[in-house]
Amino acid sequence: MRITTLSLIAALAAASQCAAFAPAAFVNPSAASKPRSGSLAAPAPLRSMSTDDIPSDYESEDLTPPGHPSVAVDTDEEDAVLREALKSELLVLSSATDRGMFASKDESDIVVDLVTQLEALNPTADPALKCDGEWDLTLTNTQLFRSSPFFLAIRSALGDENKQIADNGFELHNRATSISRIGRVRQMIKDGEMTSEVDLEVGLAPGLPVRIKGTVVTTAGVRTMAPETWELTVRGTRVTRSNVPFLDQYLDDIKVDLPVGDFYATLLGSTPVSSLKTFYVDESIRITRDEDENFYVFSRA
C-alpha cells in the first residue's frame, strides 16, 4: 500500500483521538513499554472451527449445523435454559476480568468456549436485522477501542497485506494509553446508522488526582449485506462531555466534527468499508465479530 495511505491513517488517528488519548502517552512515556495484561486470544472462525475438542454440551454437528456455514439458527426450545446459563457465566467472567482486559489464560479459554457455544445456539434468524437499539460492550478478546468504527476503518483501509502493521499500531496505542481508563463503551444502532461512544479518563500527570474526561463519538453508515453481515462506512468523529471548564460547553454546543469519511474519500478515492458479522443476538445480548474474527459481546442497555 502507498505510503500516503499510511500517512493519512496516522494523521486521522492523531487528529481525532488526541483530545482524549494523547496526554497519557506524553506524560508517562515509559507506559509504552508496559503491555496491558489480559487480552483474550482470538478464536478461530465459527464456520471453520476444529471439532477435535467439542464442548461436552453439544456434538460436532450441533456446533457446525449443516446448511448454515455462516450463521446458525437454533429452534430447539429446550436449549433456552442452556443459553441463559451460558450467558450468565459469560457476564460473570466479564465482571471478573474487566470486559476481558485482565483475563488469565484459563479464563480466556473459557470465554472463547462460551462464545462459540452461544453462536451455535443463536435463536434468531437474520441477526444483522435484529440489532437496533443501544448496546454496552461487555466482553471482547481485543482492545476495547477497536469496536469503534473509527478504528475498524483504519484496519480496513490497511487491508490484509498490512494486517501486522495495523495490529502493531493498535498495540502501541493500547500501551501508550495504559494509564488512562476506558469507561463505558456503547453502540446505538438505528435506521442504518451506528453511533459509537467511548468514555475516557486521562491523567494529567502521574500521582495527580486531576483527570480529564470526555467521550469520543464516532458515526458510521450501516448496510446489511447478508443475514449476519454488515458493511460499515465511517462518517465522522468528535469529542463531547469534557470536564474541562469552558471546553465542555464549546464542544457540546459547537459539535466540532472531524469528517473522517470525507478525508478518506478525498485523499484515497474512497472510504474504507468494514465488515462486521453478528452470529448471535437475542433480547439481551449480541455477539459480533470483525474481519479479524475478534469478537465483541454487547449487552442491551
C-alpha atoms as a PDB file:
ATOM      1  CA  MET A   1       0.000   0.000   0.000  1.00  0.00           C
ATOM      2  CA  ARG A   2       1.203   3.503  -0.793  1.00  0.00           C
ATOM      3  CA  ILE A   3       2.881   5.499   1.948  1.00  0.00           C
ATOM      4  CA  THR A   4       0.222   8.218   1.517  1.00  0.00           C
ATOM      5  CA  THR A   5      -2.372   5.791   2.838  1.00  0.00           C
ATOM      6  CA  LEU A   6      -0.360   5.034   5.955  1.00  0.00           C
ATOM      7  CA  SER A   7       0.338   8.733   6.490  1.00  0.00           C
ATOM      8  CA  LEU A   8      -3.341   9.601   6.189  1.00  0.00           C
ATOM      9  CA  ILE A   9      -4.374   6.953   8.681  1.00  0.00           C
ATOM     10  CA  ALA A  10      -1.744   8.081  11.166  1.00  0.00           C
ATOM     11  CA  ALA A  11      -2.888  11.693  10.780  1.00  0.00           C
ATOM     12  CA  LEU A  12      -6.547  10.795  11.268  1.00  0.00           C
ATOM     13  CA  ALA A  13      -5.784   8.781  14.388  1.00  0.00           C
ATOM     14  CA  ALA A  14      -3.747  11.613  15.878  1.00  0.00           C
ATOM     15  CA  ALA A  15      -6.238  14.328  14.987  1.00  0.00           C
ATOM     16  CA  SER A  16      -9.371  12.664  16.271  1.00  0.00           C
ATOM     17  CA  GLN A  17      -8.020  10.948  19.371  1.00  0.00           C
ATOM     18  CA  CYS A  18      -5.527  13.500  20.717  1.00  0.00           C
ATOM     19  CA  ALA A  19      -8.059  15.250  22.945  1.00  0.00           C
ATOM     20  CA  ALA A  20      -8.712  12.058  24.840  1.00  0.00           C
ATOM     21  CA  PHE A  21      -5.772   9.695  24.397  1.00  0.00           C
ATOM     22  CA  ALA A  22      -2.572  11.606  23.731  1.00  0.00           C
ATOM     23  CA  PRO A  23      -1.861  13.213  27.133  1.00  0.00           C
ATOM     24  CA  ALA A  24      -1.157   9.895  28.790  1.00  0.00           C
ATOM     25  CA  ALA A  25       1.498   8.991  26.249  1.00  0.00           C
ATOM     26  CA  PHE A  26       3.321  12.309  26.694  1.00  0.00           C
ATOM     27  CA  VAL A  27       3.026  12.422  30.470  1.00  0.00           C
ATOM     28  CA  ASN A  28       4.426   8.946  31.010  1.00  0.00           C
ATOM     29  CA  PRO A  29       6.496   7.736  28.062  1.00  0.00           C
ATOM     30  CA  SER A  30       7.561   4.654  29.995  1.00  0.00           C
ATOM     31  CA  ALA A  31       3.978   3.427  29.868  1.00  0.00           C
ATOM     32  CA  ALA A  32       4.505   2.480  26.228  1.00  0.00           C
ATOM     33  CA  SER A  33       6.916  -0.228  27.324  1.00  0.00           C
ATOM     34  CA  LYS A  34       4.452  -1.844  29.717  1.00  0.00           C
ATOM     35  CA  PRO A  35       1.924  -4.073  27.934  1.00  0.00           C
ATOM     36  CA  ARG A  36      -1.606  -4.079  29.288  1.00  0.00           C
ATOM     37  CA  SER A  37      -2.308  -7.554  30.532  1.00  0.00           C
ATOM     38  CA  GLY A  38      -5.148  -9.898  29.877  1.00  0.00           C
ATOM     39  CA  SER A  39      -6.010  -9.712  26.193  1.00  0.00           C
ATOM     40  CA  LEU A  40      -8.082 -12.718  25.225  1.00  0.00           C
ATOM     41  CA  ALA A  41      -6.791 -14.915  22.419  1.00  0.00           C
ATOM     42  CA  ALA A  42      -8.642 -14.595  19.121  1.00  0.00           C
ATOM     43  CA  PRO A  43     -10.719 -17.710  18.410  1.00  0.00           C
ATOM     44  CA  ALA A  44     -10.976 -19.478  15.090  1.00  0.00           C
ATOM     45  CA  PRO A  45     -13.910 -18.582  12.853  1.00  0.00           C
ATOM     46  CA  LEU A  46     -17.079 -20.436  13.782  1.00  0.00           C
ATOM     47  CA  ARG A  47     -17.625 -21.882  10.326  1.00  0.00           C
ATOM     48  CA  SER A  48     -14.130 -23.398  10.189  1.00  0.00           C
ATOM     49  CA  MET A  49     -13.615 -24.356  13.809  1.00  0.00           C
ATOM     50  CA  SER A  50     -11.993 -27.634  14.704  1.00  0.00           C
ATOM     51  CA  THR A  51     -14.247 -30.366  16.084  1.00  0.00           C
ATOM     52  CA  ASP A  52     -11.425 -32.150  17.874  1.00  0.00           C
ATOM     53  CA  ASP A  53     -12.301 -30.569  21.205  1.00  0.00           C
ATOM     54  CA  ILE A  54     -16.054 -30.039  21.128  1.00  0.00           C
ATOM     55  CA  PRO A  55     -17.634 -28.760  24.384  1.00  0.00           C
ATOM     56  CA  SER A  56     -19.400 -31.592  26.154  1.00  0.00           C
ATOM     57  CA  ASP A  57     -22.838 -29.960  25.891  1.00  0.00           C
ATOM     58  CA  TYR A  58     -23.064 -30.497  22.141  1.00  0.00           C
ATOM     59  CA  GLU A  59     -21.971 -32.855  19.421  1.00  0.00           C
ATOM     60  CA  SER A  60     -19.958 -31.527  16.471  1.00  0.00           C
ATOM     61  CA  GLU A  61     -22.994 -31.375  14.191  1.00  0.00           C
ATOM     62  CA  ASP A  62     -24.682 -29.016  16.660  1.00  0.00           C
ATOM     63  CA  LEU A  63     -21.762 -26.600  16.619  1.00  0.00           C
ATOM     64  CA  THR A  64     -21.451 -26.565  12.829  1.00  0.00           C
ATOM     65  CA  PRO A  65     -25.042 -27.028  11.627  1.00  0.00           C
ATOM     66  CA  PRO A  66     -25.416 -28.360   8.066  1.00  0.00           C
ATOM     67  CA  GLY A  67     -26.653 -25.706   5.658  1.00  0.00           C
ATOM     68  CA  HIS A  68     -25.584 -22.824   7.933  1.00  0.00           C
ATOM     69  CA  PRO A  69     -21.950 -22.141   7.018  1.00  0.00           C
ATOM     70  CA  SER A  70     -22.062 -18.560   8.324  1.00  0.00           C
ATOM     71  CA  VAL A  71     -24.751 -18.279  10.987  1.00  0.00           C
ATOM     72  CA  ALA A  72     -26.613 -20.923  12.971  1.00  0.00           C
ATOM     73  CA  VAL A  73     -30.290 -20.677  13.931  1.00  0.00           C
ATOM     74  CA  ASP A  74     -31.268 -22.916  16.841  1.00  0.00           C
ATOM     75  CA  THR A  75     -35.012 -23.619  17.006  1.00  0.00           C
ATOM     76  CA  ASP A  76     -34.925 -26.171  19.833  1.00  0.00           C
ATOM     77  CA  GLU A  77     -36.939 -24.665  22.698  1.00  0.00           C
ATOM     78  CA  GLU A  78     -35.172 -26.914  25.197  1.00  0.00           C
ATOM     79  CA  ASP A  79     -31.934 -25.038  24.532  1.00  0.00           C
ATOM     80  CA  ALA A  80     -33.279 -21.836  26.100  1.00  0.00           C
ATOM     81  CA  VAL A  81     -32.182 -22.908  29.591  1.00  0.00           C
ATOM     82  CA  LEU A  82     -28.676 -23.710  28.369  1.00  0.00           C
ATOM     83  CA  ARG A  83     -28.432 -20.344  26.608  1.00  0.00           C
ATOM     84  CA  GLU A  84     -29.321 -18.499  29.799  1.00  0.00           C
ATOM     85  CA  ALA A  85     -26.740 -20.480  31.770  1.00  0.00           C
ATOM     86  CA  LEU A  86     -24.026 -19.726  29.204  1.00  0.00           C
ATOM     87  CA  LYS A  87     -24.891 -16.028  29.162  1.00  0.00           C
ATOM     88  CA  SER A  88     -24.824 -15.840  32.957  1.00  0.00           C
ATOM     89  CA  GLU A  89     -21.367 -17.400  33.091  1.00  0.00           C
ATOM     90  CA  LEU A  90     -20.175 -15.044  30.358  1.00  0.00           C
ATOM     91  CA  LEU A  91     -21.370 -11.989  32.290  1.00  0.00           C
ATOM     92  CA  VAL A  92     -19.680 -13.210  35.470  1.00  0.00           C
ATOM     93  CA  LEU A  93     -16.380 -13.519  33.610  1.00  0.00           C
ATOM     94  CA  SER A  94     -16.917 -10.083  32.089  1.00  0.00           C
ATOM     95  CA  SER A  95     -17.137  -8.556  35.542  1.00  0.00           C
ATOM     96  CA  ALA A  96     -14.206 -10.557  36.920  1.00  0.00           C
ATOM     97  CA  THR A  97     -11.856  -9.672  34.044  1.00  0.00           C
ATOM     98  CA  ASP A  98     -12.876  -6.051  33.287  1.00  0.00           C
ATOM     99  CA  ARG A  99     -14.507  -6.964  29.985  1.00  0.00           C
ATOM    100  CA  GLY A 100     -11.713  -9.388  29.129  1.00  0.00           C
ATOM    101  CA  MET A 101      -8.814  -6.967  29.560  1.00  0.00           C
ATOM    102  CA  PHE A 102      -7.300  -8.811  32.516  1.00  0.00           C
ATOM    103  CA  ALA A 103      -8.323 -12.393  31.819  1.00  0.00           C
ATOM    104  CA  SER A 104      -5.957 -15.212  32.663  1.00  0.00           C
ATOM    105  CA  LYS A 105      -5.184 -17.896  30.089  1.00  0.00           C
ATOM    106  CA  ASP A 106      -7.725 -20.254  31.678  1.00  0.00           C
ATOM    107  CA  GLU A 107     -10.381 -17.556  31.774  1.00  0.00           C
ATOM    108  CA  SER A 108      -9.653 -16.668  28.157  1.00  0.00           C
ATOM    109  CA  ASP A 109     -10.144 -20.273  27.094  1.00  0.00           C
ATOM    110  CA  ILE A 110     -13.446 -20.477  28.967  1.00  0.00           C
ATOM    111  CA  VAL A 111     -14.689 -17.256  27.363  1.00  0.00           C
ATOM    112  CA  VAL A 112     -13.830 -18.474  23.864  1.00  0.00           C
ATOM    113  CA  ASP A 113     -15.670 -21.734  24.571  1.00  0.00           C
ATOM    114  CA  LEU A 114     -18.756 -19.913  25.895  1.00  0.00           C
ATOM    115  CA  VAL A 115     -18.870 -17.521  22.953  1.00  0.00           C
ATOM    116  CA  THR A 116     -18.525 -20.374  20.464  1.00  0.00           C
ATOM    117  CA  GLN A 117     -21.313 -22.360  22.118  1.00  0.00           C
ATOM    118  CA  LEU A 118     -23.636 -19.369  22.165  1.00  0.00           C
ATOM    119  CA  GLU A 119     -23.012 -18.639  18.486  1.00  0.00           C
ATOM    120  CA  ALA A 120     -24.019 -22.215  17.707  1.00  0.00           C
ATOM    121  CA  LEU A 121     -27.184 -21.725  19.783  1.00  0.00           C
ATOM    122  CA  ASN A 122     -28.235 -18.454  18.151  1.00  0.00           C
ATOM    123  CA  PRO A 123     -32.073 -18.337  18.357  1.00  0.00           C
ATOM    124  CA  THR A 124     -32.593 -15.501  15.867  1.00  0.00           C
ATOM    125  CA  ALA A 125     -32.907 -15.672  12.097  1.00  0.00           C
ATOM    126  CA  ASP A 126     -31.343 -12.779  10.170  1.00  0.00           C
ATOM    127  CA  PRO A 127     -29.478 -11.495  13.245  1.00  0.00           C
ATOM    128  CA  ALA A 128     -27.981  -8.490  11.446  1.00  0.00           C
ATOM    129  CA  LEU A 129     -31.502  -7.122  11.019  1.00  0.00           C
ATOM    130  CA  LYS A 130     -32.399  -7.514  14.703  1.00  0.00           C
ATOM    131  CA  CYS A 131     -29.761  -5.304  16.329  1.00  0.00           C
ATOM    132  CA  ASP A 132     -31.411  -1.887  16.526  1.00  0.00           C
ATOM    133  CA  GLY A 133     -31.156  -0.304  19.962  1.00  0.00           C
ATOM    134  CA  GLU A 134     -28.496   0.703  22.480  1.00  0.00           C
ATOM    135  CA  TRP A 135     -25.768  -1.754  23.448  1.00  0.00           C
ATOM    136  CA  ASP A 136     -22.968  -1.754  26.053  1.00  0.00           C
ATOM    137  CA  LEU A 137     -19.715  -3.564  25.306  1.00  0.00           C
ATOM    138  CA  THR A 138     -19.496  -6.318  27.908  1.00  0.00           C
ATOM    139  CA  LEU A 139     -16.608  -8.519  26.784  1.00  0.00           C
ATOM    140  CA  THR A 140     -14.051  -8.742  24.000  1.00  0.00           C
ATOM    141  CA  ASN A 141     -10.866 -10.590  23.097  1.00  0.00           C
ATOM    142  CA  THR A 142      -9.130  -7.477  21.750  1.00  0.00           C
ATOM    143  CA  GLN A 143      -8.670  -3.834  22.739  1.00  0.00           C
ATOM    144  CA  LEU A 144     -11.925  -2.144  23.779  1.00  0.00           C
ATOM    145  CA  PHE A 145     -11.434   0.815  21.449  1.00  0.00           C
ATOM    146  CA  ARG A 146     -11.356  -1.434  18.380  1.00  0.00           C
ATOM    147  CA  SER A 147     -15.144  -1.746  18.476  1.00  0.00           C
ATOM    148  CA  SER A 148     -15.327   1.879  17.298  1.00  0.00           C
ATOM    149  CA  PRO A 149     -15.975   2.409  13.559  1.00  0.00           C
ATOM    150  CA  PHE A 150     -13.020   4.817  13.592  1.00  0.00           C
ATOM    151  CA  PHE A 151     -10.539   2.029  14.349  1.00  0.00           C
ATOM    152  CA  LEU A 152     -12.441  -0.511  12.257  1.00  0.00           C
ATOM    153  CA  ALA A 153     -11.947   1.839   9.294  1.00  0.00           C
ATOM    154  CA  ILE A 154      -8.202   2.058   9.945  1.00  0.00           C
ATOM    155  CA  ARG A 155      -7.947  -1.727   9.941  1.00  0.00           C
ATOM    156  CA  SER A 156      -9.965  -1.991   6.704  1.00  0.00           C
ATOM    157  CA  ALA A 157      -8.001   0.775   4.991  1.00  0.00           C
ATOM    158  CA  LEU A 158      -4.708  -1.017   5.637  1.00  0.00           C
ATOM    159  CA  GLY A 159      -6.021  -4.267   4.150  1.00  0.00           C
ATOM    160  CA  ASP A 160      -4.944  -7.831   4.767  1.00  0.00           C
ATOM    161  CA  GLU A 161      -1.478  -7.235   3.331  1.00  0.00           C
ATOM    162  CA  ASN A 162      -0.799  -4.741   6.137  1.00  0.00           C
ATOM    163  CA  LYS A 163      -2.596  -6.550   8.950  1.00  0.00           C
ATOM    164  CA  GLN A 164       0.576  -6.777  11.031  1.00  0.00           C
ATOM    165  CA  ILE A 165       1.114  -3.033  10.718  1.00  0.00           C
ATOM    166  CA  ALA A 166      -2.439  -2.461  11.962  1.00  0.00           C
ATOM    167  CA  ASP A 167      -2.018  -4.887  14.869  1.00  0.00           C
ATOM    168  CA  ASN A 168       1.275  -3.289  15.898  1.00  0.00           C
ATOM    169  CA  GLY A 169      -0.237   0.175  15.715  1.00  0.00           C
ATOM    170  CA  PHE A 170      -3.228  -0.798  17.832  1.00  0.00           C
ATOM    171  CA  GLU A 171      -0.992  -2.453  20.421  1.00  0.00           C
ATOM    172  CA  LEU A 172       1.281   0.596  20.623  1.00  0.00           C
ATOM    173  CA  HIS A 173      -1.782   2.797  21.046  1.00  0.00           C
ATOM    174  CA  ASN A 174      -3.031   0.467  23.780  1.00  0.00           C
ATOM    175  CA  ARG A 175       0.286   0.572  25.647  1.00  0.00           C
ATOM    176  CA  ALA A 176       0.731   4.323  25.264  1.00  0.00           C
ATOM    177  CA  THR A 177      -2.676   4.922  26.872  1.00  0.00           C
ATOM    178  CA  SER A 178      -2.237   2.325  29.609  1.00  0.00           C
ATOM    179  CA  ILE A 179      -2.539   4.887  32.438  1.00  0.00           C
ATOM    180  CA  SER A 180      -5.809   6.182  31.043  1.00  0.00           C
ATOM    181  CA  ARG A 181      -9.118   4.454  31.744  1.00  0.00           C
ATOM    182  CA  ILE A 182     -11.739   3.424  29.228  1.00  0.00           C
ATOM    183  CA  GLY A 183     -15.170   3.628  30.789  1.00  0.00           C
ATOM    184  CA  ARG A 184     -18.452   2.767  29.179  1.00  0.00           C
ATOM    185  CA  VAL A 185     -18.253   1.667  25.542  1.00  0.00           C
ATOM    186  CA  ARG A 186     -21.585   1.643  23.747  1.00  0.00           C
ATOM    187  CA  GLN A 187     -23.196   1.496  20.336  1.00  0.00           C
ATOM    188  CA  MET A 188     -26.527   2.928  19.237  1.00  0.00           C
ATOM    189  CA  ILE A 189     -27.912   1.370  16.074  1.00  0.00           C
ATOM    190  CA  LYS A 190     -30.944   2.837  14.336  1.00  0.00           C
ATOM    191  CA  ASP A 191     -32.165   3.478  10.793  1.00  0.00           C
ATOM    192  CA  GLY A 192     -28.982   2.359   9.076  1.00  0.00           C
ATOM    193  CA  GLU A 193     -26.589   4.311  11.282  1.00  0.00           C
ATOM    194  CA  MET A 194     -24.281   3.337  14.134  1.00  0.00           C
ATOM    195  CA  THR A 195     -23.188   5.825  16.787  1.00  0.00           C
ATOM    196  CA  SER A 196     -20.250   4.601  18.861  1.00  0.00           C
ATOM    197  CA  GLU A 197     -19.406   6.261  22.188  1.00  0.00           C
ATOM    198  CA  VAL A 198     -16.263   5.590  24.226  1.00  0.00           C
ATOM    199  CA  ASP A 199     -15.956   7.261  27.646  1.00  0.00           C
ATOM    200  CA  LEU A 200     -12.384   8.135  28.610  1.00  0.00           C
ATOM    201  CA  GLU A 201     -10.450   9.405  31.612  1.00  0.00           C
ATOM    202  CA  VAL A 202      -6.872  10.591  31.110  1.00  0.00           C
ATOM    203  CA  GLY A 203      -4.495  11.589  33.900  1.00  0.00           C
ATOM    204  CA  LEU A 204      -2.678  14.913  33.587  1.00  0.00           C
ATOM    205  CA  ALA A 205       0.393  13.593  35.398  1.00  0.00           C
ATOM    206  CA  PRO A 206       1.355  10.503  37.415  1.00  0.00           C
ATOM    207  CA  GLY A 207       0.215  10.799  41.035  1.00  0.00           C
ATOM    208  CA  LEU A 208      -2.057  13.793  40.486  1.00  0.00           C
ATOM    209  CA  PRO A 209      -5.762  13.264  41.250  1.00  0.00           C
ATOM    210  CA  VAL A 210      -6.876  15.501  38.366  1.00  0.00           C
ATOM    211  CA  ARG A 211      -8.168  13.600  35.339  1.00  0.00           C
ATOM    212  CA  ILE A 212      -9.556  14.862  32.045  1.00  0.00           C
ATOM    213  CA  LYS A 213     -12.783  13.186  30.986  1.00  0.00           C
ATOM    214  CA  GLY A 214     -14.502  13.048  27.638  1.00  0.00           C
ATOM    215  CA  THR A 215     -16.496  10.883  25.256  1.00  0.00           C
ATOM    216  CA  VAL A 216     -15.250  10.044  21.762  1.00  0.00           C
ATOM    217  CA  VAL A 217     -18.281   9.792  19.467  1.00  0.00           C
ATOM    218  CA  THR A 218     -17.970   8.208  16.029  1.00  0.00           C
ATOM    219  CA  THR A 219     -20.765   7.739  13.499  1.00  0.00           C
ATOM    220  CA  ALA A 220     -20.949   5.263  10.618  1.00  0.00           C
ATOM    221  CA  GLY A 221     -23.405   4.157   7.990  1.00  0.00           C
ATOM    222  CA  VAL A 222     -24.626   0.551   8.271  1.00  0.00           C
ATOM    223  CA  ARG A 223     -25.696  -1.634   5.346  1.00  0.00           C
ATOM    224  CA  THR A 224     -26.991  -5.176   5.852  1.00  0.00           C
ATOM    225  CA  MET A 225     -25.401  -7.384   3.190  1.00  0.00           C
ATOM    226  CA  ALA A 226     -26.350 -10.879   4.426  1.00  0.00           C
ATOM    227  CA  PRO A 227     -28.308 -12.431   7.337  1.00  0.00           C
ATOM    228  CA  GLU A 228     -25.317 -11.901   9.640  1.00  0.00           C
ATOM    229  CA  THR A 229     -23.242  -9.305   7.811  1.00  0.00           C
ATOM    230  CA  TRP A 230     -22.983  -5.518   7.999  1.00  0.00           C
ATOM    231  CA  GLU A 231     -20.842  -3.172   5.983  1.00  0.00           C
ATOM    232  CA  LEU A 232     -19.816  -0.067   7.973  1.00  0.00           C
ATOM    233  CA  THR A 233     -18.690   3.208   6.408  1.00  0.00           C
ATOM    234  CA  VAL A 234     -17.220   5.680   8.880  1.00  0.00           C
ATOM    235  CA  ARG A 235     -18.581   9.228   8.685  1.00  0.00           C
ATOM    236  CA  GLY A 236     -17.257  11.461  11.454  1.00  0.00           C
ATOM    237  CA  THR A 237     -15.839  11.610  14.954  1.00  0.00           C
ATOM    238  CA  ARG A 238     -15.845  14.196  17.738  1.00  0.00           C
ATOM    239  CA  VAL A 239     -15.236  14.630  21.471  1.00  0.00           C
ATOM    240  CA  THR A 240     -18.100  15.566  23.821  1.00  0.00           C
ATOM    241  CA  ARG A 241     -18.861  15.749  27.563  1.00  0.00           C
ATOM    242  CA  SER A 242     -15.456  17.056  28.528  1.00  0.00           C
ATOM    243  CA  ASN A 243     -14.977  18.027  32.178  1.00  0.00           C
ATOM    244  CA  VAL A 244     -12.561  20.829  31.251  1.00  0.00           C
ATOM    245  CA  PRO A 245     -14.142  24.226  32.144  1.00  0.00           C
ATOM    246  CA  PHE A 246     -15.470  26.115  29.089  1.00  0.00           C
ATOM    247  CA  LEU A 247     -14.205  23.401  26.752  1.00  0.00           C
ATOM    248  CA  ASP A 248     -17.133  21.147  27.587  1.00  0.00           C
ATOM    249  CA  GLN A 249     -19.695  23.761  26.618  1.00  0.00           C
ATOM    250  CA  TYR A 250     -17.774  24.652  23.470  1.00  0.00           C
ATOM    251  CA  LEU A 251     -17.509  21.042  22.299  1.00  0.00           C
ATOM    252  CA  ASP A 252     -21.137  20.214  23.118  1.00  0.00           C
ATOM    253  CA  ASP A 253     -22.606  23.406  21.653  1.00  0.00           C
ATOM    254  CA  ILE A 254     -20.464  23.736  18.540  1.00  0.00           C
ATOM    255  CA  LYS A 255     -20.240  19.964  17.952  1.00  0.00           C
ATOM    256  CA  VAL A 256     -16.911  20.105  16.171  1.00  0.00           C
ATOM    257  CA  ASP A 257     -16.954  17.020  13.975  1.00  0.00           C
ATOM    258  CA  LEU A 258     -13.961  15.607  12.128  1.00  0.00           C
ATOM    259  CA  PRO A 259     -15.329  14.295   8.777  1.00  0.00           C
ATOM    260  CA  VAL A 260     -13.209  11.172   8.712  1.00  0.00           C
ATOM    261  CA  GLY A 261     -15.139   9.580   5.879  1.00  0.00           C
ATOM    262  CA  ASP A 262     -14.678  12.639   3.650  1.00  0.00           C
ATOM    263  CA  PHE A 263     -10.940  12.698   4.375  1.00  0.00           C
ATOM    264  CA  TYR A 264     -10.610   9.097   3.232  1.00  0.00           C
ATOM    265  CA  ALA A 265     -12.684   9.747   0.112  1.00  0.00           C
ATOM    266  CA  THR A 266     -10.729  12.876  -0.832  1.00  0.00           C
ATOM    267  CA  LEU A 267      -7.229  11.546  -0.292  1.00  0.00           C
ATOM    268  CA  LEU A 268      -7.653   7.846  -1.109  1.00  0.00           C
ATOM    269  CA  GLY A 269     -10.510   7.977  -3.588  1.00  0.00           C
ATOM    270  CA  SER A 270     -12.936   6.017  -1.417  1.00  0.00           C
ATOM    271  CA  THR A 271     -13.987   5.470   2.176  1.00  0.00           C
ATOM    272  CA  PRO A 272     -12.913   2.082   3.590  1.00  0.00           C
ATOM    273  CA  VAL A 273     -15.720  -0.384   4.208  1.00  0.00           C
ATOM    274  CA  SER A 274     -15.554  -2.521   7.357  1.00  0.00           C
ATOM    275  CA  SER A 275     -17.285  -5.886   7.584  1.00  0.00           C
ATOM    276  CA  LEU A 276     -18.927  -6.999  10.832  1.00  0.00           C
ATOM    277  CA  LYS A 277     -20.740 -10.283  11.355  1.00  0.00           C
ATOM    278  CA  THR A 278     -23.287 -10.890  14.108  1.00  0.00           C
ATOM    279  CA  PHE A 279     -23.524 -14.596  14.881  1.00  0.00           C
ATOM    280  CA  TYR A 280     -25.724 -14.279  17.965  1.00  0.00           C
ATOM    281  CA  VAL A 281     -28.460 -11.892  19.058  1.00  0.00           C
ATOM    282  CA  ASP A 282     -31.430 -12.199  21.381  1.00  0.00           C
ATOM    283  CA  GLU A 283     -33.370  -9.879  23.654  1.00  0.00           C
ATOM    284  CA  SER A 284     -30.382  -9.265  25.941  1.00  0.00           C
ATOM    285  CA  ILE A 285     -27.006  -9.834  24.250  1.00  0.00           C
ATOM    286  CA  ARG A 286     -25.311  -9.620  20.855  1.00  0.00           C
ATOM    287  CA  ILE A 287     -22.076 -11.260  19.684  1.00  0.00           C
ATOM    288  CA  THR A 288     -20.406  -9.575  16.711  1.00  0.00           C
ATOM    289  CA  ARG A 289     -17.061 -10.330  15.048  1.00  0.00           C
ATOM    290  CA  ASP A 290     -14.821  -8.076  12.975  1.00  0.00           C
ATOM    291  CA  GLU A 291     -12.850  -9.045   9.874  1.00  0.00           C
ATOM    292  CA  ASP A 292     -10.054 -10.497  12.033  1.00  0.00           C
ATOM    293  CA  GLU A 293     -12.529 -12.708  13.941  1.00  0.00           C
ATOM    294  CA  ASN A 294     -12.174 -10.661  17.119  1.00  0.00           C
ATOM    295  CA  PHE A 295     -15.453 -10.925  18.997  1.00  0.00           C
ATOM    296  CA  TYR A 296     -17.416  -8.231  20.831  1.00  0.00           C
ATOM    297  CA  VAL A 297     -20.123  -9.230  23.296  1.00  0.00           C
ATOM    298  CA  PHE A 298     -22.683  -6.474  23.831  1.00  0.00           C
ATOM    299  CA  SER A 299     -25.477  -6.310  26.415  1.00  0.00           C
ATOM    300  CA  ARG A 300     -28.655  -4.467  25.564  1.00  0.00           C
ATOM    301  CA  ALA A 301     -28.776  -1.241  27.586  1.00  0.00           C
END
